[in-house]
Amino acid sequence: MYYLKDIQPKTKSRNAHLAASFQESAINVLIKKSLLACKRKNSKQLLIGGGVAANNCLRQKFILAAGEAGINCFFPKIDLCMDNAAMVGGLAYFLYKHGARDNLYLNTQLNN
C-alpha cells in the first residue's frame, strides 16, 4: 500500500496494473503450494474453498495447472464461496470480552 501512496502520478491504469500483478502473483503462489501439498500427500484430488474460490481467474488457472499435474480440482458453486473472516473476528471479540486468552503456541491438532 505504501507503494501506491508514493507513486506519482496516481493513475487508475497504474493502480489497476499493480492490482492485477498482485493477483497474478498471489494465485501463482497458491497454485504452487497447493500442488506441492497434493504431491507430498500423494493426492489426486484438490478442493478449493472459501471466499477466494469465487475468483474466476483463480479458478481457471487452478483447473489448468491441476489438470497438467494429473490432479482433479474441484470448486463449490460461486454462491457457496464465502469468506467467514467477519464471523471469526466477531467470535474472537466476544471471547476476548469474556476473558478468553491464550499464548502464541496454540495447538492446531484436532482431538479425537
PDB file of N, CA and C in Angstrom:
ATOM      1  N   MET A   1       0.813  -1.181   0.000  1.00  0.00           N
ATOM      2  CA  MET A   1       0.000   0.000   0.000  1.00  0.00           C
ATOM      3  C   MET A   1       0.870   1.263   0.000  1.00  0.00           C
ATOM      4  N   TYR A   2       2.026   1.202   0.644  1.00  0.00           N
ATOM      5  CA  TYR A   2       2.891   2.373   0.635  1.00  0.00           C
ATOM      6  C   TYR A   2       3.386   2.678  -0.771  1.00  0.00           C
ATOM      7  N   TYR A   3       3.561   1.627  -1.566  1.00  0.00           N
ATOM      8  CA  TYR A   3       3.976   1.834  -2.948  1.00  0.00           C
ATOM      9  C   TYR A   3       2.940   2.669  -3.677  1.00  0.00           C
ATOM     10  N   LEU A   4       1.674   2.329  -3.520  1.00  0.00           N
ATOM     11  CA  LEU A   4       0.607   3.097  -4.168  1.00  0.00           C
ATOM     12  C   LEU A   4       0.571   4.533  -3.669  1.00  0.00           C
ATOM     13  N   LYS A   5       0.819   4.704  -2.390  1.00  0.00           N
ATOM     14  CA  LYS A   5       0.779   6.034  -1.792  1.00  0.00           C
ATOM     15  C   LYS A   5       1.882   6.937  -2.364  1.00  0.00           C
ATOM     16  N   ASP A   6       3.032   6.344  -2.653  1.00  0.00           N
ATOM     17  CA  ASP A   6       4.191   7.123  -3.073  1.00  0.00           C
ATOM     18  C   ASP A   6       4.312   7.365  -4.572  1.00  0.00           C
ATOM     19  N   ILE A   7       3.629   6.588  -5.406  1.00  0.00           N
ATOM     20  CA  ILE A   7       3.822   6.744  -6.851  1.00  0.00           C
ATOM     21  C   ILE A   7       3.149   8.017  -7.355  1.00  0.00           C
ATOM     22  N   GLN A   8       3.793   8.632  -8.290  1.00  0.00           N
ATOM     23  CA  GLN A   8       3.281   9.852  -8.912  1.00  0.00           C
ATOM     24  C   GLN A   8       3.383   9.699 -10.418  1.00  0.00           C
ATOM     25  N   PRO A   9       2.469  10.060 -11.224  1.00  0.00           N
ATOM     26  CA  PRO A   9       1.123  10.462 -10.829  1.00  0.00           C
ATOM     27  C   PRO A   9       0.280   9.248 -10.486  1.00  0.00           C
ATOM     28  N   LYS A  10      -0.733   9.469  -9.702  1.00  0.00           N
ATOM     29  CA  LYS A  10      -1.639   8.393  -9.318  1.00  0.00           C
ATOM     30  C   LYS A  10      -2.675   8.216 -10.418  1.00  0.00           C
ATOM     31  N   THR A  11      -2.507   7.162 -11.182  1.00  0.00           N
ATOM     32  CA  THR A  11      -3.421   6.921 -12.291  1.00  0.00           C
ATOM     33  C   THR A  11      -4.177   5.626 -12.060  1.00  0.00           C
ATOM     34  N   LYS A  12      -5.385   5.577 -12.605  1.00  0.00           N
ATOM     35  CA  LYS A  12      -6.184   4.367 -12.472  1.00  0.00           C
ATOM     36  C   LYS A  12      -5.517   3.193 -13.176  1.00  0.00           C
ATOM     37  N   SER A  13      -4.899   3.450 -14.321  1.00  0.00           N
ATOM     38  CA  SER A  13      -4.287   2.348 -15.063  1.00  0.00           C
ATOM     39  C   SER A  13      -3.091   1.767 -14.308  1.00  0.00           C
ATOM     40  N   ARG A  14      -2.328   2.613 -13.659  1.00  0.00           N
ATOM     41  CA  ARG A  14      -1.188   2.115 -12.889  1.00  0.00           C
ATOM     42  C   ARG A  14      -1.677   1.313 -11.686  1.00  0.00           C
ATOM     43  N   ASN A  15      -2.699   1.811 -11.013  1.00  0.00           N
ATOM     44  CA  ASN A  15      -3.248   1.091  -9.871  1.00  0.00           C
ATOM     45  C   ASN A  15      -3.841  -0.249 -10.317  1.00  0.00           C
ATOM     46  N   ALA A  16      -4.537  -0.248 -11.443  1.00  0.00           N
ATOM     47  CA  ALA A  16      -5.129  -1.479 -11.962  1.00  0.00           C
ATOM     48  C   ALA A  16      -4.038  -2.482 -12.320  1.00  0.00           C
ATOM     49  N   HIS A  17      -2.952  -1.989 -12.923  1.00  0.00           N
ATOM     50  CA  HIS A  17      -1.838  -2.861 -13.288  1.00  0.00           C
ATOM     51  C   HIS A  17      -1.209  -3.472 -12.037  1.00  0.00           C
ATOM     52  N   LEU A  18      -1.030  -2.667 -11.014  1.00  0.00           N
ATOM     53  CA  LEU A  18      -0.443  -3.162  -9.774  1.00  0.00           C
ATOM     54  C   LEU A  18      -1.351  -4.207  -9.127  1.00  0.00           C
ATOM     55  N   ALA A  19      -2.661  -3.943  -9.100  1.00  0.00           N
ATOM     56  CA  ALA A  19      -3.608  -4.900  -8.521  1.00  0.00           C
ATOM     57  C   ALA A  19      -3.607  -6.206  -9.309  1.00  0.00           C
ATOM     58  N   ALA A  20      -3.579  -6.128 -10.624  1.00  0.00           N
ATOM     59  CA  ALA A  20      -3.554  -7.329 -11.459  1.00  0.00           C
ATOM     60  C   ALA A  20      -2.259  -8.109 -11.241  1.00  0.00           C
ATOM     61  N   SER A  21      -1.153  -7.401 -11.102  1.00  0.00           N
ATOM     62  CA  SER A  21       0.129  -8.065 -10.858  1.00  0.00           C
ATOM     63  C   SER A  21       0.129  -8.777  -9.514  1.00  0.00           C
ATOM     64  N   PHE A  22      -0.449  -8.130  -8.499  1.00  0.00           N
ATOM     65  CA  PHE A  22      -0.540  -8.766  -7.187  1.00  0.00           C
ATOM     66  C   PHE A  22      -1.417 -10.011  -7.264  1.00  0.00           C
ATOM     67  N   GLN A  23      -2.551  -9.907  -7.927  1.00  0.00           N
ATOM     68  CA  GLN A  23      -3.452 -11.052  -8.055  1.00  0.00           C
ATOM     69  C   GLN A  23      -2.739 -12.213  -8.740  1.00  0.00           C
ATOM     70  N   GLU A  24      -2.053 -11.935  -9.813  1.00  0.00           N
ATOM     71  CA  GLU A  24      -1.322 -12.968 -10.549  1.00  0.00           C
ATOM     72  C   GLU A  24      -0.288 -13.647  -9.658  1.00  0.00           C
ATOM     73  N   SER A  25       0.463 -12.861  -8.910  1.00  0.00           N
ATOM     74  CA  SER A  25       1.485 -13.421  -8.016  1.00  0.00           C
ATOM     75  C   SER A  25       0.860 -14.262  -6.917  1.00  0.00           C
ATOM     76  N   ALA A  26      -0.211 -13.763  -6.314  1.00  0.00           N
ATOM     77  CA  ALA A  26      -0.867 -14.490  -5.227  1.00  0.00           C
ATOM     78  C   ALA A  26      -1.435 -15.813  -5.733  1.00  0.00           C
ATOM     79  N   ILE A  27      -2.073 -15.795  -6.879  1.00  0.00           N
ATOM     80  CA  ILE A  27      -2.636 -17.020  -7.450  1.00  0.00           C
ATOM     81  C   ILE A  27      -1.530 -18.023  -7.757  1.00  0.00           C
ATOM     82  N   ASN A  28      -0.441 -17.563  -8.336  1.00  0.00           N
ATOM     83  CA  ASN A  28       0.666 -18.464  -8.663  1.00  0.00           C
ATOM     84  C   ASN A  28       1.221 -19.143  -7.415  1.00  0.00           C
ATOM     85  N   VAL A  29       1.347 -18.407  -6.319  1.00  0.00           N
ATOM     86  CA  VAL A  29       1.846 -18.989  -5.067  1.00  0.00           C
ATOM     87  C   VAL A  29       0.852 -20.014  -4.533  1.00  0.00           C
ATOM     88  N   LEU A  30      -0.440 -19.682  -4.547  1.00  0.00           N
ATOM     89  CA  LEU A  30      -1.455 -20.619  -4.070  1.00  0.00           C
ATOM     90  C   LEU A  30      -1.434 -21.915  -4.868  1.00  0.00           C
ATOM     91  N   ILE A  31      -1.307 -21.792  -6.175  1.00  0.00           N
ATOM     92  CA  ILE A  31      -1.266 -22.979  -7.028  1.00  0.00           C
ATOM     93  C   ILE A  31      -0.025 -23.812  -6.731  1.00  0.00           C
ATOM     94  N   LYS A  32       1.112 -23.168  -6.686  1.00  0.00           N
ATOM     95  CA  LYS A  32       2.371 -23.878  -6.460  1.00  0.00           C
ATOM     96  C   LYS A  32       2.333 -24.640  -5.137  1.00  0.00           C
ATOM     97  N   LYS A  33       1.907 -23.982  -4.075  1.00  0.00           N
ATOM     98  CA  LYS A  33       1.892 -24.626  -2.759  1.00  0.00           C
ATOM     99  C   LYS A  33       0.819 -25.709  -2.672  1.00  0.00           C
ATOM    100  N   SER A  34      -0.323 -25.477  -3.298  1.00  0.00           N
ATOM    101  CA  SER A  34      -1.397 -26.481  -3.272  1.00  0.00           C
ATOM    102  C   SER A  34      -0.997 -27.742  -4.021  1.00  0.00           C
ATOM    103  N   LEU A  35      -0.400 -27.571  -5.193  1.00  0.00           N
ATOM    104  CA  LEU A  35       0.023 -28.743  -5.970  1.00  0.00           C
ATOM    105  C   LEU A  35       1.171 -29.471  -5.293  1.00  0.00           C
ATOM    106  N   LEU A  36       2.049 -28.731  -4.633  1.00  0.00           N
ATOM    107  CA  LEU A  36       3.124 -29.361  -3.866  1.00  0.00           C
ATOM    108  C   LEU A  36       2.549 -30.187  -2.717  1.00  0.00           C
ATOM    109  N   ALA A  37       1.540 -29.660  -2.035  1.00  0.00           N
ATOM    110  CA  ALA A  37       0.899 -30.405  -0.946  1.00  0.00           C
ATOM    111  C   ALA A  37       0.254 -31.673  -1.479  1.00  0.00           C
ATOM    112  N   CYS A  38      -0.402 -31.586  -2.633  1.00  0.00           N
ATOM    113  CA  CYS A  38      -1.001 -32.783  -3.248  1.00  0.00           C
ATOM    114  C   CYS A  38       0.069 -33.815  -3.565  1.00  0.00           C
ATOM    115  N   LYS A  39       1.182 -33.352  -4.098  1.00  0.00           N
ATOM    116  CA  LYS A  39       2.268 -34.271  -4.445  1.00  0.00           C
ATOM    117  C   LYS A  39       2.823 -34.945  -3.197  1.00  0.00           C
ATOM    118  N   ARG A  40       3.065 -34.152  -2.155  1.00  0.00           N
ATOM    119  CA  ARG A  40       3.626 -34.712  -0.917  1.00  0.00           C
ATOM    120  C   ARG A  40       2.683 -35.703  -0.249  1.00  0.00           C
ATOM    121  N   LYS A  41       1.396 -35.468  -0.368  1.00  0.00           N
ATOM    122  CA  LYS A  41       0.398 -36.351   0.254  1.00  0.00           C
ATOM    123  C   LYS A  41      -0.122 -37.404  -0.718  1.00  0.00           C
ATOM    124  N   ASN A  42       0.443 -37.415  -1.919  1.00  0.00           N
ATOM    125  CA  ASN A  42       0.037 -38.360  -2.959  1.00  0.00           C
ATOM    126  C   ASN A  42      -1.471 -38.292  -3.208  1.00  0.00           C
ATOM    127  N   SER A  43      -1.979 -37.082  -3.306  1.00  0.00           N
ATOM    128  CA  SER A  43      -3.408 -36.867  -3.530  1.00  0.00           C
ATOM    129  C   SER A  43      -3.647 -36.499  -4.984  1.00  0.00           C
ATOM    130  N   LYS A  44      -4.666 -37.066  -5.552  1.00  0.00           N
ATOM    131  CA  LYS A  44      -5.040 -36.764  -6.932  1.00  0.00           C
ATOM    132  C   LYS A  44      -6.294 -35.900  -6.996  1.00  0.00           C
ATOM    133  N   GLN A  45      -6.715 -35.391  -5.843  1.00  0.00           N
ATOM    134  CA  GLN A  45      -7.891 -34.526  -5.791  1.00  0.00           C
ATOM    135  C   GLN A  45      -7.593 -33.311  -4.929  1.00  0.00           C
ATOM    136  N   LEU A  46      -8.114 -32.166  -5.366  1.00  0.00           N
ATOM    137  CA  LEU A  46      -7.898 -30.907  -4.659  1.00  0.00           C
ATOM    138  C   LEU A  46      -9.212 -30.140  -4.630  1.00  0.00           C
ATOM    139  N   LEU A  47      -9.626 -29.766  -3.437  1.00  0.00           N
ATOM    140  CA  LEU A  47     -10.841 -28.977  -3.276  1.00  0.00           C
ATOM    141  C   LEU A  47     -10.450 -27.580  -2.821  1.00  0.00           C
ATOM    142  N   ILE A  48     -10.912 -26.579  -3.561  1.00  0.00           N
ATOM    143  CA  ILE A  48     -10.632 -25.184  -3.227  1.00  0.00           C
ATOM    144  C   ILE A  48     -11.897 -24.594  -2.626  1.00  0.00           C
ATOM    145  N   GLY A  49     -11.786 -23.920  -1.479  1.00  0.00           N
ATOM    146  CA  GLY A  49     -12.957 -23.337  -0.827  1.00  0.00           C
ATOM    147  C   GLY A  49     -12.648 -21.957  -0.278  1.00  0.00           C
ATOM    148  N   GLY A  50     -13.652 -21.372   0.338  1.00  0.00           N
ATOM    149  CA  GLY A  50     -13.518 -20.053   0.932  1.00  0.00           C
ATOM    150  C   GLY A  50     -13.854 -18.957  -0.061  1.00  0.00           C
ATOM    151  N   GLY A  51     -13.749 -17.736   0.390  1.00  0.00           N
ATOM    152  CA  GLY A  51     -14.096 -16.593  -0.445  1.00  0.00           C
ATOM    153  C   GLY A  51     -13.264 -16.484  -1.707  1.00  0.00           C
ATOM    154  N   VAL A  52     -11.997 -16.864  -1.618  1.00  0.00           N
ATOM    155  CA  VAL A  52     -11.105 -16.751  -2.770  1.00  0.00           C
ATOM    156  C   VAL A  52     -11.538 -17.672  -3.910  1.00  0.00           C
ATOM    157  N   ALA A  53     -12.280 -18.720  -3.589  1.00  0.00           N
ATOM    158  CA  ALA A  53     -12.714 -19.677  -4.616  1.00  0.00           C
ATOM    159  C   ALA A  53     -13.718 -19.071  -5.586  1.00  0.00           C
ATOM    160  N   ALA A  54     -14.209 -17.879  -5.296  1.00  0.00           N
ATOM    161  CA  ALA A  54     -15.136 -17.201  -6.206  1.00  0.00           C
ATOM    162  C   ALA A  54     -14.401 -16.441  -7.312  1.00  0.00           C
ATOM    163  N   ASN A  55     -13.097 -16.340  -7.210  1.00  0.00           N
ATOM    164  CA  ASN A  55     -12.301 -15.601  -8.188  1.00  0.00           C
ATOM    165  C   ASN A  55     -12.175 -16.419  -9.474  1.00  0.00           C
ATOM    166  N   ASN A  56     -12.720 -15.891 -10.573  1.00  0.00           N
ATOM    167  CA  ASN A  56     -12.716 -16.624 -11.846  1.00  0.00           C
ATOM    168  C   ASN A  56     -11.320 -16.883 -12.384  1.00  0.00           C
ATOM    169  N   CYS A  57     -10.436 -15.919 -12.251  1.00  0.00           N
ATOM    170  CA  CYS A  57      -9.058 -16.104 -12.721  1.00  0.00           C
ATOM    171  C   CYS A  57      -8.398 -17.237 -11.945  1.00  0.00           C
ATOM    172  N   LEU A  58      -8.591 -17.260 -10.634  1.00  0.00           N
ATOM    173  CA  LEU A  58      -8.028 -18.316  -9.808  1.00  0.00           C
ATOM    174  C   LEU A  58      -8.577 -19.671 -10.235  1.00  0.00           C
ATOM    175  N   ARG A  59      -9.872 -19.740 -10.462  1.00  0.00           N
ATOM    176  CA  ARG A  59     -10.494 -20.999 -10.883  1.00  0.00           C
ATOM    177  C   ARG A  59      -9.879 -21.516 -12.178  1.00  0.00           C
ATOM    178  N   GLN A  60      -9.779 -20.664 -13.169  1.00  0.00           N
ATOM    179  CA  GLN A  60      -9.247 -21.076 -14.469  1.00  0.00           C
ATOM    180  C   GLN A  60      -7.808 -21.557 -14.354  1.00  0.00           C
ATOM    181  N   LYS A  61      -6.990 -20.809 -13.627  1.00  0.00           N
ATOM    182  CA  LYS A  61      -5.580 -21.170 -13.508  1.00  0.00           C
ATOM    183  C   LYS A  61      -5.389 -22.453 -12.700  1.00  0.00           C
ATOM    184  N   PHE A  62      -6.187 -22.627 -11.640  1.00  0.00           N
ATOM    185  CA  PHE A  62      -6.095 -23.851 -10.844  1.00  0.00           C
ATOM    186  C   PHE A  62      -6.490 -25.067 -11.680  1.00  0.00           C
ATOM    187  N   ILE A  63      -7.577 -24.964 -12.410  1.00  0.00           N
ATOM    188  CA  ILE A  63      -8.047 -26.087 -13.227  1.00  0.00           C
ATOM    189  C   ILE A  63      -6.989 -26.477 -14.251  1.00  0.00           C
ATOM    190  N   LEU A  64      -6.392 -25.486 -14.909  1.00  0.00           N
ATOM    191  CA  LEU A  64      -5.360 -25.754 -15.910  1.00  0.00           C
ATOM    192  C   LEU A  64      -4.126 -26.397 -15.278  1.00  0.00           C
ATOM    193  N   ALA A  65      -3.606 -25.790 -14.206  1.00  0.00           N
ATOM    194  CA  ALA A  65      -2.382 -26.301 -13.573  1.00  0.00           C
ATOM    195  C   ALA A  65      -2.610 -27.673 -12.947  1.00  0.00           C
ATOM    196  N   ALA A  66      -3.745 -27.851 -12.291  1.00  0.00           N
ATOM    197  CA  ALA A  66      -4.034 -29.146 -11.668  1.00  0.00           C
ATOM    198  C   ALA A  66      -4.176 -30.220 -12.742  1.00  0.00           C
ATOM    199  N   GLY A  67      -4.856 -29.893 -13.834  1.00  0.00           N
ATOM    200  CA  GLY A  67      -5.008 -30.848 -14.923  1.00  0.00           C
ATOM    201  C   GLY A  67      -3.670 -31.272 -15.493  1.00  0.00           C
ATOM    202  N   GLU A  68      -2.771 -30.323 -15.664  1.00  0.00           N
ATOM    203  CA  GLU A  68      -1.436 -30.644 -16.177  1.00  0.00           C
ATOM    204  C   GLU A  68      -0.662 -31.535 -15.212  1.00  0.00           C
ATOM    205  N   ALA A  69      -0.974 -31.413 -13.902  1.00  0.00           N
ATOM    206  CA  ALA A  69      -0.298 -32.227 -12.886  1.00  0.00           C
ATOM    207  C   ALA A  69      -1.023 -33.544 -12.627  1.00  0.00           C
ATOM    208  N   GLY A  70      -2.127 -33.793 -13.361  1.00  0.00           N
ATOM    209  CA  GLY A  70      -2.875 -35.023 -13.173  1.00  0.00           C
ATOM    210  C   GLY A  70      -3.727 -35.031 -11.911  1.00  0.00           C
ATOM    211  N   ILE A  71      -4.137 -33.845 -11.469  1.00  0.00           N
ATOM    212  CA  ILE A  71      -4.931 -33.708 -10.247  1.00  0.00           C
ATOM    213  C   ILE A  71      -6.303 -33.167 -10.615  1.00  0.00           C
ATOM    214  N   ASN A  72      -7.343 -33.769 -10.051  1.00  0.00           N
ATOM    215  CA  ASN A  72      -8.706 -33.272 -10.243  1.00  0.00           C
ATOM    216  C   ASN A  72      -8.942 -32.130  -9.266  1.00  0.00           C
ATOM    217  N   CYS A  73      -9.361 -30.996  -9.787  1.00  0.00           N
ATOM    218  CA  CYS A  73      -9.569 -29.803  -8.974  1.00  0.00           C
ATOM    219  C   CYS A  73     -11.068 -29.501  -8.913  1.00  0.00           C
ATOM    220  N   PHE A  74     -11.579 -29.321  -7.708  1.00  0.00           N
ATOM    221  CA  PHE A  74     -12.998 -29.086  -7.507  1.00  0.00           C
ATOM    222  C   PHE A  74     -13.244 -27.752  -6.816  1.00  0.00           C
ATOM    223  N   PHE A  75     -14.327 -27.093  -7.211  1.00  0.00           N
ATOM    224  CA  PHE A  75     -14.758 -25.831  -6.619  1.00  0.00           C
ATOM    225  C   PHE A  75     -16.238 -25.911  -6.284  1.00  0.00           C
ATOM    226  N   PRO A  76     -16.666 -25.285  -5.196  1.00  0.00           N
ATOM    227  CA  PRO A  76     -18.102 -25.184  -4.950  1.00  0.00           C
ATOM    228  C   PRO A  76     -18.725 -24.169  -5.902  1.00  0.00           C
ATOM    229  N   LYS A  77     -20.045 -24.166  -5.989  1.00  0.00           N
ATOM    230  CA  LYS A  77     -20.716 -23.136  -6.777  1.00  0.00           C
ATOM    231  C   LYS A  77     -20.327 -21.771  -6.230  1.00  0.00           C
ATOM    232  N   ILE A  78     -20.297 -20.783  -7.122  1.00  0.00           N
ATOM    233  CA  ILE A  78     -19.888 -19.425  -6.732  1.00  0.00           C
ATOM    234  C   ILE A  78     -20.691 -18.921  -5.526  1.00  0.00           C
ATOM    235  N   ASP A  79     -22.004 -19.165  -5.519  1.00  0.00           N
ATOM    236  CA  ASP A  79     -22.816 -18.621  -4.433  1.00  0.00           C
ATOM    237  C   ASP A  79     -22.559 -19.311  -3.088  1.00  0.00           C
ATOM    238  N   LEU A  80     -21.771 -20.365  -3.088  1.00  0.00           N
ATOM    239  CA  LEU A  80     -21.398 -21.029  -1.839  1.00  0.00           C
ATOM    240  C   LEU A  80     -19.991 -20.647  -1.374  1.00  0.00           C
ATOM    241  N   CYS A  81     -19.309 -19.809  -2.134  1.00  0.00           N
ATOM    242  CA  CYS A  81     -17.954 -19.372  -1.782  1.00  0.00           C
ATOM    243  C   CYS A  81     -18.041 -18.131  -0.898  1.00  0.00           C
ATOM    244  N   MET A  82     -17.809 -18.324   0.386  1.00  0.00           N
ATOM    245  CA  MET A  82     -17.918 -17.218   1.326  1.00  0.00           C
ATOM    246  C   MET A  82     -16.647 -17.097   2.142  1.00  0.00           C
ATOM    247  N   ASP A  83     -16.415 -15.905   2.592  1.00  0.00           N
ATOM    248  CA  ASP A  83     -15.295 -15.642   3.480  1.00  0.00           C
ATOM    249  C   ASP A  83     -15.875 -15.443   4.873  1.00  0.00           C
ATOM    250  N   ASN A  84     -15.479 -16.270   5.807  1.00  0.00           N
ATOM    251  CA  ASN A  84     -16.057 -16.179   7.139  1.00  0.00           C
ATOM    252  C   ASN A  84     -15.192 -15.379   8.106  1.00  0.00           C
ATOM    253  N   ALA A  85     -14.329 -14.526   7.588  1.00  0.00           N
ATOM    254  CA  ALA A  85     -13.446 -13.741   8.450  1.00  0.00           C
ATOM    255  C   ALA A  85     -14.234 -12.872   9.422  1.00  0.00           C
ATOM    256  N   ALA A  86     -15.339 -12.311   8.989  1.00  0.00           N
ATOM    257  CA  ALA A  86     -16.142 -11.476   9.883  1.00  0.00           C
ATOM    258  C   ALA A  86     -16.702 -12.307  11.038  1.00  0.00           C
ATOM    259  N   MET A  87     -17.127 -13.533  10.745  1.00  0.00           N
ATOM    260  CA  MET A  87     -17.638 -14.396  11.819  1.00  0.00           C
ATOM    261  C   MET A  87     -16.527 -14.762  12.795  1.00  0.00           C
ATOM    262  N   VAL A  88     -15.356 -15.082  12.284  1.00  0.00           N
ATOM    263  CA  VAL A  88     -14.235 -15.435  13.140  1.00  0.00           C
ATOM    264  C   VAL A  88     -13.841 -14.230  13.998  1.00  0.00           C
ATOM    265  N   GLY A  89     -13.773 -13.059  13.382  1.00  0.00           N
ATOM    266  CA  GLY A  89     -13.442 -11.852  14.132  1.00  0.00           C
ATOM    267  C   GLY A  89     -14.483 -11.531  15.189  1.00  0.00           C
ATOM    268  N   GLY A  90     -15.766 -11.706  14.841  1.00  0.00           N
ATOM    269  CA  GLY A  90     -16.839 -11.460  15.808  1.00  0.00           C
ATOM    270  C   GLY A  90     -16.757 -12.403  16.991  1.00  0.00           C
ATOM    271  N   LEU A  91     -16.488 -13.670  16.736  1.00  0.00           N
ATOM    272  CA  LEU A  91     -16.342 -14.642  17.813  1.00  0.00           C
ATOM    273  C   LEU A  91     -15.128 -14.310  18.674  1.00  0.00           C
ATOM    274  N   ALA A  92     -14.015 -13.945  18.035  1.00  0.00           N
ATOM    275  CA  ALA A  92     -12.807 -13.586  18.788  1.00  0.00           C
ATOM    276  C   ALA A  92     -13.078 -12.399  19.710  1.00  0.00           C
ATOM    277  N   TYR A  93     -13.800 -11.403  19.216  1.00  0.00           N
ATOM    278  CA  TYR A  93     -14.132 -10.236  20.037  1.00  0.00           C
ATOM    279  C   TYR A  93     -14.980 -10.654  21.235  1.00  0.00           C
ATOM    280  N   PHE A  94     -16.002 -11.485  20.985  1.00  0.00           N
ATOM    281  CA  PHE A  94     -16.884 -11.957  22.045  1.00  0.00           C
ATOM    282  C   PHE A  94     -16.088 -12.724  23.101  1.00  0.00           C
ATOM    283  N   LEU A  95     -15.228 -13.651  22.658  1.00  0.00           N
ATOM    284  CA  LEU A  95     -14.423 -14.433  23.595  1.00  0.00           C
ATOM    285  C   LEU A  95     -13.458 -13.547  24.378  1.00  0.00           C
ATOM    286  N   TYR A  96     -12.839 -12.595  23.697  1.00  0.00           N
ATOM    287  CA  TYR A  96     -11.905 -11.682  24.356  1.00  0.00           C
ATOM    288  C   TYR A  96     -12.624 -10.869  25.436  1.00  0.00           C
ATOM    289  N   LYS A  97     -13.796 -10.367  25.105  1.00  0.00           N
ATOM    290  CA  LYS A  97     -14.564  -9.574  26.075  1.00  0.00           C
ATOM    291  C   LYS A  97     -14.960 -10.405  27.293  1.00  0.00           C
ATOM    292  N   HIS A  98     -15.035 -11.724  27.124  1.00  0.00           N
ATOM    293  CA  HIS A  98     -15.389 -12.613  28.226  1.00  0.00           C
ATOM    294  C   HIS A  98     -14.158 -13.259  28.864  1.00  0.00           C
ATOM    295  N   GLY A  99     -12.977 -12.690  28.606  1.00  0.00           N
ATOM    296  CA  GLY A  99     -11.773 -13.102  29.311  1.00  0.00           C
ATOM    297  C   GLY A  99     -10.960 -14.218  28.693  1.00  0.00           C
ATOM    298  N   ALA A 100     -11.344 -14.714  27.545  1.00  0.00           N
ATOM    299  CA  ALA A 100     -10.567 -15.789  26.920  1.00  0.00           C
ATOM    300  C   ALA A 100      -9.217 -15.249  26.461  1.00  0.00           C
ATOM    301  N   ARG A 101      -8.161 -15.932  26.854  1.00  0.00           N
ATOM    302  CA  ARG A 101      -6.807 -15.534  26.464  1.00  0.00           C
ATOM    303  C   ARG A 101      -6.012 -16.795  26.156  1.00  0.00           C
ATOM    304  N   ASP A 102      -4.999 -16.656  25.311  1.00  0.00           N
ATOM    305  CA  ASP A 102      -4.114 -17.762  25.018  1.00  0.00           C
ATOM    306  C   ASP A 102      -2.779 -17.168  24.584  1.00  0.00           C
ATOM    307  N   ASN A 103      -1.777 -18.007  24.493  1.00  0.00           N
ATOM    308  CA  ASN A 103      -0.477 -17.528  24.029  1.00  0.00           C
ATOM    309  C   ASN A 103      -0.333 -17.817  22.540  1.00  0.00           C
ATOM    310  N   LEU A 104       0.831 -17.635  21.999  1.00  0.00           N
ATOM    311  CA  LEU A 104       1.055 -17.858  20.576  1.00  0.00           C
ATOM    312  C   LEU A 104       1.337 -19.315  20.240  1.00  0.00           C
ATOM    313  N   TYR A 105       1.267 -20.198  21.205  1.00  0.00           N
ATOM    314  CA  TYR A 105       1.583 -21.606  20.988  1.00  0.00           C
ATOM    315  C   TYR A 105       0.311 -22.452  20.988  1.00  0.00           C
ATOM    316  N   LEU A 106      -0.644 -22.054  20.175  1.00  0.00           N
ATOM    317  CA  LEU A 106      -1.915 -22.764  20.093  1.00  0.00           C
ATOM    318  C   LEU A 106      -1.710 -24.132  19.451  1.00  0.00           C
ATOM    319  N   ASN A 107      -2.460 -25.110  19.907  1.00  0.00           N
ATOM    320  CA  ASN A 107      -2.422 -26.444  19.331  1.00  0.00           C
ATOM    321  C   ASN A 107      -3.478 -26.497  18.218  1.00  0.00           C
ATOM    322  N   THR A 108      -3.047 -26.723  17.001  1.00  0.00           N
ATOM    323  CA  THR A 108      -3.971 -26.768  15.878  1.00  0.00           C
ATOM    324  C   THR A 108      -4.404 -28.183  15.527  1.00  0.00           C
ATOM    325  N   GLN A 109      -3.979 -29.157  16.309  1.00  0.00           N
ATOM    326  CA  GLN A 109      -4.344 -30.545  16.040  1.00  0.00           C
ATOM    327  C   GLN A 109      -5.722 -30.841  16.606  1.00  0.00           C
ATOM    328  N   LEU A 110      -6.519 -31.576  15.838  1.00  0.00           N
ATOM    329  CA  LEU A 110      -7.837 -31.970  16.304  1.00  0.00           C
ATOM    330  C   LEU A 110      -7.720 -33.103  17.297  1.00  0.00           C
ATOM    331  N   ASN A 111      -8.497 -33.044  18.339  1.00  0.00           N
ATOM    332  CA  ASN A 111      -8.534 -34.136  19.315  1.00  0.00           C
ATOM    333  C   ASN A 111      -9.621 -35.111  18.916  1.00  0.00           C
ATOM    334  N   ASN A 112      -9.314 -36.363  18.946  1.00  0.00           N
ATOM    335  CA  ASN A 112     -10.325 -37.387  18.589  1.00  0.00           C
ATOM    336  C   ASN A 112     -11.111 -37.815  19.795  1.00  0.00           C
TER     337      ASN A 112
END
